[in-house]
PDB file of N, CA and C in Angstrom:
ATOM      1  N   MET A   1     124.720 102.726  52.715  1.00  0.00           N
ATOM      2  CA  MET A   1     125.025 103.433  54.258  1.00  0.00           C
ATOM      3  C   MET A   1     124.781 104.851  53.733  1.00  0.00           C
ATOM      4  N   HIS A   2     123.815 105.030  54.912  1.00  0.00           N
ATOM      5  CA  HIS A   2     123.680 106.605  54.809  1.00  0.00           C
ATOM      6  C   HIS A   2     124.207 107.303  56.025  1.00  0.00           C
ATOM      7  N   GLU A   3     124.046 108.889  55.712  1.00  0.00           N
ATOM      8  CA  GLU A   3     124.854 109.511  56.868  1.00  0.00           C
ATOM      9  C   GLU A   3     123.825 110.680  56.954  1.00  0.00           C
ATOM     10  N   MET A   4     124.024 111.694  58.093  1.00  0.00           N
ATOM     11  CA  MET A   4     123.287 112.792  58.110  1.00  0.00           C
ATOM     12  C   MET A   4     124.165 114.022  57.721  1.00  0.00           C
ATOM     13  N   TRP A   5     123.361 115.297  57.060  1.00  0.00           N
ATOM     14  CA  TRP A   5     124.057 116.530  56.608  1.00  0.00           C
ATOM     15  C   TRP A   5     123.396 117.521  57.107  1.00  0.00           C
ATOM     16  N   VAL A   6     123.893 118.358  57.639  1.00  0.00           N
ATOM     17  CA  VAL A   6     122.912 119.872  57.909  1.00  0.00           C
ATOM     18  C   VAL A   6     123.001 120.592  56.881  1.00  0.00           C
ATOM     19  N   GLY A   7     122.053 121.259  56.523  1.00  0.00           N
ATOM     20  CA  GLY A   7     121.794 121.681  55.466  1.00  0.00           C
ATOM     21  C   GLY A   7     120.288 122.721  55.557  1.00  0.00           C
ATOM     22  N   ALA A   8     120.091 123.370  54.503  1.00  0.00           N
ATOM     23  CA  ALA A   8     118.835 124.534  54.743  1.00  0.00           C
ATOM     24  C   ALA A   8     117.533 123.600  54.637  1.00  0.00           C
ATOM     25  N   ASP A   9     116.607 123.801  55.454  1.00  0.00           N
ATOM     26  CA  ASP A   9     115.488 123.426  55.440  1.00  0.00           C
ATOM     27  C   ASP A   9     114.597 123.740  53.876  1.00  0.00           C
ATOM     28  N   ALA A  10     113.971 122.860  53.441  1.00  0.00           N
ATOM     29  CA  ALA A  10     113.516 123.193  52.259  1.00  0.00           C
ATOM     30  C   ALA A  10     112.411 124.342  52.346  1.00  0.00           C
ATOM     31  N   ALA A  11     111.704 124.419  53.414  1.00  0.00           N
ATOM     32  CA  ALA A  11     110.572 125.827  53.840  1.00  0.00           C
ATOM     33  C   ALA A  11     111.401 127.116  54.047  1.00  0.00           C
ATOM     34  N   GLY A  12     112.668 126.787  54.068  1.00  0.00           N
ATOM     35  CA  GLY A  12     113.506 128.467  54.615  1.00  0.00           C
ATOM     36  C   GLY A  12     113.110 128.693  56.103  1.00  0.00           C
ATOM     37  N   GLY A  13     113.158 127.529  57.131  1.00  0.00           N
ATOM     38  CA  GLY A  13     112.888 127.601  58.673  1.00  0.00           C
ATOM     39  C   GLY A  13     114.636 127.432  59.148  1.00  0.00           C
ATOM     40  N   GLY A  14     115.433 127.737  58.419  1.00  0.00           N
ATOM     41  CA  GLY A  14     116.308 127.336  58.924  1.00  0.00           C
ATOM     42  C   GLY A  14     117.584 126.359  58.589  1.00  0.00           C
ATOM     43  N   LEU A  15     118.271 125.497  59.632  1.00  0.00           N
ATOM     44  CA  LEU A  15     118.889 124.610  59.240  1.00  0.00           C
ATOM     45  C   LEU A  15     118.348 123.508  60.213  1.00  0.00           C
ATOM     46  N   VAL A  16     118.356 122.391  59.134  1.00  0.00           N
ATOM     47  CA  VAL A  16     118.083 120.834  59.574  1.00  0.00           C
ATOM     48  C   VAL A  16     118.951 119.704  59.022  1.00  0.00           C
ATOM     49  N   TRP A  17     118.503 118.725  59.701  1.00  0.00           N
ATOM     50  CA  TRP A  17     119.447 117.746  59.557  1.00  0.00           C
ATOM     51  C   TRP A  17     118.862 116.650  58.667  1.00  0.00           C
ATOM     52  N   HIS A  18     119.673 116.163  57.259  1.00  0.00           N
ATOM     53  CA  HIS A  18     119.127 115.672  56.195  1.00  0.00           C
ATOM     54  C   HIS A  18     119.783 114.213  56.203  1.00  0.00           C
ATOM     55  N   VAL A  19     118.774 113.317  55.157  1.00  0.00           N
ATOM     56  CA  VAL A  19     119.774 111.866  55.447  1.00  0.00           C
ATOM     57  C   VAL A  19     120.122 112.019  53.822  1.00  0.00           C
ATOM     58  N   VAL A  20     121.429 111.425  53.406  1.00  0.00           N
ATOM     59  CA  VAL A  20     122.026 111.394  52.012  1.00  0.00           C
ATOM     60  C   VAL A  20     122.748 109.782  52.272  1.00  0.00           C
ATOM     61  N   ALA A  21     122.505 109.237  51.138  1.00  0.00           N
ATOM     62  CA  ALA A  21     123.410 108.310  50.876  1.00  0.00           C
ATOM     63  C   ALA A  21     124.493 108.273  50.632  1.00  0.00           C
ATOM     64  N   ALA A  22     125.488 107.720  51.161  1.00  0.00           N
ATOM     65  CA  ALA A  22     127.001 108.308  51.149  1.00  0.00           C
ATOM     66  C   ALA A  22     127.581 108.193  49.708  1.00  0.00           C
ATOM     67  N   ASP A  23     126.838 107.783  48.533  1.00  0.00           N
ATOM     68  CA  ASP A  23     127.438 107.862  47.344  1.00  0.00           C
ATOM     69  C   ASP A  23     126.730 108.555  46.427  1.00  0.00           C
ATOM     70  N   THR A  24     125.967 109.719  46.971  1.00  0.00           N
ATOM     71  CA  THR A  24     124.993 110.391  46.087  1.00  0.00           C
ATOM     72  C   THR A  24     125.171 111.646  46.531  1.00  0.00           C
ATOM     73  N   ALA A  25     124.831 113.044  45.523  1.00  0.00           N
ATOM     74  CA  ALA A  25     125.283 113.827  45.587  1.00  0.00           C
ATOM     75  C   ALA A  25     123.985 115.115  46.262  1.00  0.00           C
ATOM     76  N   THR A  26     122.733 114.083  46.290  1.00  0.00           N
ATOM     77  CA  THR A  26     121.593 114.460  46.783  1.00  0.00           C
ATOM     78  C   THR A  26     120.825 114.059  47.802  1.00  0.00           C
ATOM     79  N   THR A  27     120.280 114.881  48.727  1.00  0.00           N
ATOM     80  CA  THR A  27     119.841 114.231  50.235  1.00  0.00           C
ATOM     81  C   THR A  27     118.432 113.222  49.706  1.00  0.00           C
ATOM     82  N   GLN A  28     117.755 112.981  50.595  1.00  0.00           N
ATOM     83  CA  GLN A  28     116.424 112.030  50.207  1.00  0.00           C
ATOM     84  C   GLN A  28     115.533 112.887  49.647  1.00  0.00           C
ATOM     85  N   CYS A  29     115.539 114.041  50.102  1.00  0.00           N
ATOM     86  CA  CYS A  29     114.472 115.395  50.043  1.00  0.00           C
ATOM     87  C   CYS A  29     114.491 115.899  48.888  1.00  0.00           C
ATOM     88  N   GLY A  30     116.072 115.576  48.051  1.00  0.00           N
ATOM     89  CA  GLY A  30     116.341 116.343  46.704  1.00  0.00           C
ATOM     90  C   GLY A  30     117.268 117.453  46.718  1.00  0.00           C
ATOM     91  N   GLN A  31     117.707 117.879  47.924  1.00  0.00           N
ATOM     92  CA  GLN A  31     118.578 119.247  47.733  1.00  0.00           C
ATOM     93  C   GLN A  31     120.086 118.573  47.397  1.00  0.00           C
ATOM     94  N   ARG A  32     120.526 119.219  46.867  1.00  0.00           N
ATOM     95  CA  ARG A  32     122.233 119.070  46.452  1.00  0.00           C
ATOM     96  C   ARG A  32     123.078 119.008  47.691  1.00  0.00           C
ATOM     97  N   ARG A  33     123.505 118.080  47.966  1.00  0.00           N
ATOM     98  CA  ARG A  33     124.472 118.462  49.148  1.00  0.00           C
ATOM     99  C   ARG A  33     125.502 119.025  48.973  1.00  0.00           C
ATOM    100  N   GLN A  34     126.262 120.077  49.824  1.00  0.00           N
ATOM    101  CA  GLN A  34     127.463 120.409  49.475  1.00  0.00           C
ATOM    102  C   GLN A  34     128.558 119.321  50.309  1.00  0.00           C
ATOM    103  N   SER A  35     129.746 119.606  49.691  1.00  0.00           N
ATOM    104  CA  SER A  35     130.793 118.401  50.475  1.00  0.00           C
ATOM    105  C   SER A  35     131.177 118.626  51.766  1.00  0.00           C
ATOM    106  N   GLU A  36     130.935 119.432  52.454  1.00  0.00           N
ATOM    107  CA  GLU A  36     131.265 119.873  53.476  1.00  0.00           C
ATOM    108  C   GLU A  36     129.967 120.033  54.694  1.00  0.00           C
ATOM    109  N   GLY A  37     129.296 120.363  54.067  1.00  0.00           N
ATOM    110  CA  GLY A  37     127.728 120.838  54.747  1.00  0.00           C
ATOM    111  C   GLY A  37     128.177 122.329  55.083  1.00  0.00           C
ATOM    112  N   VAL A  38     127.370 122.650  56.040  1.00  0.00           N
ATOM    113  CA  VAL A  38     127.496 124.063  56.772  1.00  0.00           C
ATOM    114  C   VAL A  38     128.254 124.052  58.117  1.00  0.00           C
ATOM    115  N   ALA A  39     129.368 124.844  57.628  1.00  0.00           N
ATOM    116  CA  ALA A  39     130.176 124.477  58.540  1.00  0.00           C
ATOM    117  C   ALA A  39     130.412 125.470  59.906  1.00  0.00           C
ATOM    118  N   GLY A  40     130.224 124.483  60.813  1.00  0.00           N
ATOM    119  CA  GLY A  40     129.982 125.462  62.320  1.00  0.00           C
ATOM    120  C   GLY A  40     128.525 125.170  62.794  1.00  0.00           C
ATOM    121  N   CYS A  41     127.518 124.618  61.669  1.00  0.00           N
ATOM    122  CA  CYS A  41     126.270 124.622  62.323  1.00  0.00           C
ATOM    123  C   CYS A  41     125.754 123.259  62.154  1.00  0.00           C
ATOM    124  N   ASP A  42     126.390 122.420  63.540  1.00  0.00           N
ATOM    125  CA  ASP A  42     126.145 121.172  63.612  1.00  0.00           C
ATOM    126  C   ASP A  42     124.923 120.841  64.693  1.00  0.00           C
ATOM    127  N   SER A  43     125.052 121.880  65.326  1.00  0.00           N
ATOM    128  CA  SER A  43     124.007 121.906  66.683  1.00  0.00           C
ATOM    129  C   SER A  43     122.736 121.977  66.787  1.00  0.00           C
ATOM    130  N   THR A  44     122.229 121.816  65.427  1.00  0.00           N
ATOM    131  CA  THR A  44     120.983 121.831  65.222  1.00  0.00           C
ATOM    132  C   THR A  44     120.053 120.288  65.760  1.00  0.00           C
ATOM    133  N   ASP A  45     119.149 120.647  66.123  1.00  0.00           N
ATOM    134  CA  ASP A  45     118.225 119.293  66.643  1.00  0.00           C
ATOM    135  C   ASP A  45     116.908 119.221  66.144  1.00  0.00           C
ATOM    136  N   ARG A  46     116.741 119.831  64.907  1.00  0.00           N
ATOM    137  CA  ARG A  46     115.667 119.523  63.921  1.00  0.00           C
ATOM    138  C   ARG A  46     116.047 119.007  62.838  1.00  0.00           C
ATOM    139  N   HIS A  47     115.169 118.146  62.394  1.00  0.00           N
ATOM    140  CA  HIS A  47     115.354 117.141  61.142  1.00  0.00           C
ATOM    141  C   HIS A  47     114.478 117.399  59.935  1.00  0.00           C
ATOM    142  N   CYS A  48     115.140 116.993  58.843  1.00  0.00           N
ATOM    143  CA  CYS A  48     114.028 117.493  57.554  1.00  0.00           C
ATOM    144  C   CYS A  48     113.173 116.110  57.651  1.00  0.00           C
ATOM    145  N   LEU A  49     111.632 116.673  57.599  1.00  0.00           N
ATOM    146  CA  LEU A  49     110.708 115.517  57.777  1.00  0.00           C
ATOM    147  C   LEU A  49     110.870 114.736  56.803  1.00  0.00           C
ATOM    148  N   GLU A  50     111.099 115.434  55.010  1.00  0.00           N
ATOM    149  CA  GLU A  50     110.825 114.477  54.039  1.00  0.00           C
ATOM    150  C   GLU A  50     112.010 113.110  53.856  1.00  0.00           C
ATOM    151  N   CYS A  51     113.117 113.806  54.384  1.00  0.00           N
ATOM    152  CA  CYS A  51     114.470 113.092  54.616  1.00  0.00           C
ATOM    153  C   CYS A  51     113.953 111.739  55.527  1.00  0.00           C
ATOM    154  N   MET A  52     113.458 112.030  57.070  1.00  0.00           N
ATOM    155  CA  MET A  52     113.455 111.150  57.837  1.00  0.00           C
ATOM    156  C   MET A  52     111.919 110.313  57.215  1.00  0.00           C
ATOM    157  N   THR A  53     111.482 110.318  56.437  1.00  0.00           N
ATOM    158  CA  THR A  53     110.199 109.606  55.820  1.00  0.00           C
ATOM    159  C   THR A  53     110.726 108.749  55.381  1.00  0.00           C
ATOM    160  N   ALA A  54     111.579 109.299  54.293  1.00  0.00           N
ATOM    161  CA  ALA A  54     111.963 108.316  52.787  1.00  0.00           C
ATOM    162  C   ALA A  54     112.987 107.506  53.703  1.00  0.00           C
ATOM    163  N   PHE A  55     113.941 107.726  54.512  1.00  0.00           N
ATOM    164  CA  PHE A  55     114.975 106.663  55.224  1.00  0.00           C
ATOM    165  C   PHE A  55     114.283 106.036  56.186  1.00  0.00           C
ATOM    166  N   GLN A  56     112.852 105.945  56.848  1.00  0.00           N
ATOM    167  CA  GLN A  56     111.916 105.267  57.453  1.00  0.00           C
ATOM    168  C   GLN A  56     111.633 104.119  56.447  1.00  0.00           C
ATOM    169  N   GLY A  57     111.270 104.733  55.315  1.00  0.00           N
ATOM    170  CA  GLY A  57     110.863 103.405  54.210  1.00  0.00           C
ATOM    171  C   GLY A  57     111.617 102.895  53.819  1.00  0.00           C
ATOM    172  N   ILE A  58     113.030 103.466  53.467  1.00  0.00           N
ATOM    173  CA  ILE A  58     114.421 102.464  52.963  1.00  0.00           C
ATOM    174  C   ILE A  58     114.592 101.194  54.231  1.00  0.00           C
ATOM    175  N   MET A  59     114.573 101.757  55.363  1.00  0.00           N
ATOM    176  CA  MET A  59     114.792 100.552  56.486  1.00  0.00           C
ATOM    177  C   MET A  59     113.907  99.602  56.834  1.00  0.00           C
ATOM    178  N   GLN A  60     112.581 100.129  56.444  1.00  0.00           N
ATOM    179  CA  GLN A  60     111.334  98.869  56.601  1.00  0.00           C
ATOM    180  C   GLN A  60     111.367  98.282  55.060  1.00  0.00           C
ATOM    181  N   ALA A  61     112.093  98.328  54.406  1.00  0.00           N
ATOM    182  CA  ALA A  61     111.808  97.833  53.154  1.00  0.00           C
ATOM    183  C   ALA A  61     112.361  96.417  53.539  1.00  0.00           C
ATOM    184  N   PRO A  62     111.878  95.233  52.487  1.00  0.00           N
ATOM    185  CA  PRO A  62     112.333  94.144  53.026  1.00  0.00           C
ATOM    186  C   PRO A  62     113.758  93.808  52.231  1.00  0.00           C
ATOM    187  N   ALA A  63     114.479  93.105  52.812  1.00  0.00           N
ATOM    188  CA  ALA A  63     115.959  93.191  52.643  1.00  0.00           C
ATOM    189  C   ALA A  63     116.116  92.354  51.223  1.00  0.00           C
ATOM    190  N   ARG A  64     116.850  92.662  50.411  1.00  0.00           N
ATOM    191  CA  ARG A  64     116.950  91.965  49.089  1.00  0.00           C
ATOM    192  C   ARG A  64     118.038  90.887  49.104  1.00  0.00           C
ATOM    193  N   SER A  65     117.477  89.865  48.367  1.00  0.00           N
ATOM    194  CA  SER A  65     118.319  88.642  48.635  1.00  0.00           C
ATOM    195  C   SER A  65     119.154  88.913  47.603  1.00  0.00           C
TER     196      SER A  65
END
């Protein structure tokens, strides 16, 4: 299972939504996830392109038997 987490943009452009697997401590782009994200800052509509590209690859991968 994956979830969305608000964190800093790797390029330093503010906050973005990252994709993180529920059982890992890092986002798909390699950022270390804080346990609660950035408090009160979940209203961004921006997404981490690197995370979204990685997640798209996960979703399009053939199912494992």
